[in-house]
């Protein structure tokens, strides 16, 4: 039976939230002078923010590096999300969140660079892709984990930093611009995926697993509304968010597999090298780095609505 990861994450999140609901009881504890909380508080909300990626395309001068060394801030795109969650005694929480955004990158940002990164500028590739992710994440609030505020003489703080981690399932669809039109790259087999000449290169899927990890700060604006600032970094199981991973192929092979507009697009988009290179690509010349998968991240401001808080 084929495993539907997206459905599994969604079902597991709802099942856990339902389980927490069964564990809640009428044993309230003090929140402030006007409200009481149940041990388990529920929350719904949304966010607005920015998304960016770290892929084979673009970057900074020198040899390509991991994490933020090669980040191009100018490629930052809009992102948003909505979520439902539950928090047990302000300490451990579970959140089911859907995030929507876009990532993009361009080798042309390396114009003027004259070191080894010049090869990436000459490669002249670019892409954009919409991202849709559903993720199940666990929150941990250390201020509440290590201090029993109910037993102390102090009110619990409205300000709480936290860590988070989980698992996600996301979809993407890399595109490149050709003759002022955006063209889907996955059907073009730009690195010979699915060709008999490259038996180890299978057509890649337009969905993959992400591993969200990060942290944030939560502040209670009122008994009903909270605001968060949050950063989430996502390593993934795909190296094709940007459609670039391995080596160039012989463009003449496309005539054996494609016809019409698909043939023309594949021929033009698999190799867009600038004139500083020979006009005929050498097959098996490096096009990307298959050792590192593509990653993306988001920075956002969240607004949450607390459910279940009762007035004295």
Foldseek 3Di string as FASTA:
>chain_A
DDDDVQVVQVVVQVVVVVVVVVVWDPDWADQDPWWIFIQKWKKKWKWKFKKEKDAFAAFEDDDDDDDCNGGDPVFIWIKMKIWIKMAGNNFKMKIKMKMKIKYKHWLCVHPPHDPPSVVNVQQTAIKMKIKIKIWIKMKGWVVRVPDPQRPDPDRDAQKTKIWMKTKMKMFMFIWDDDPNDTDTDLVLCLAVAPPPVCVVHHRDHRMWMWIWIWIWMWGDPDPWKIKIKIKIKIFIPANCNNDFAFWGAQLVCLVVPDDDPSNVCSSCNSGPGDPVDPPGDDGRHGGGHNVGHMIMMIIIMMMMTIPRMGTD
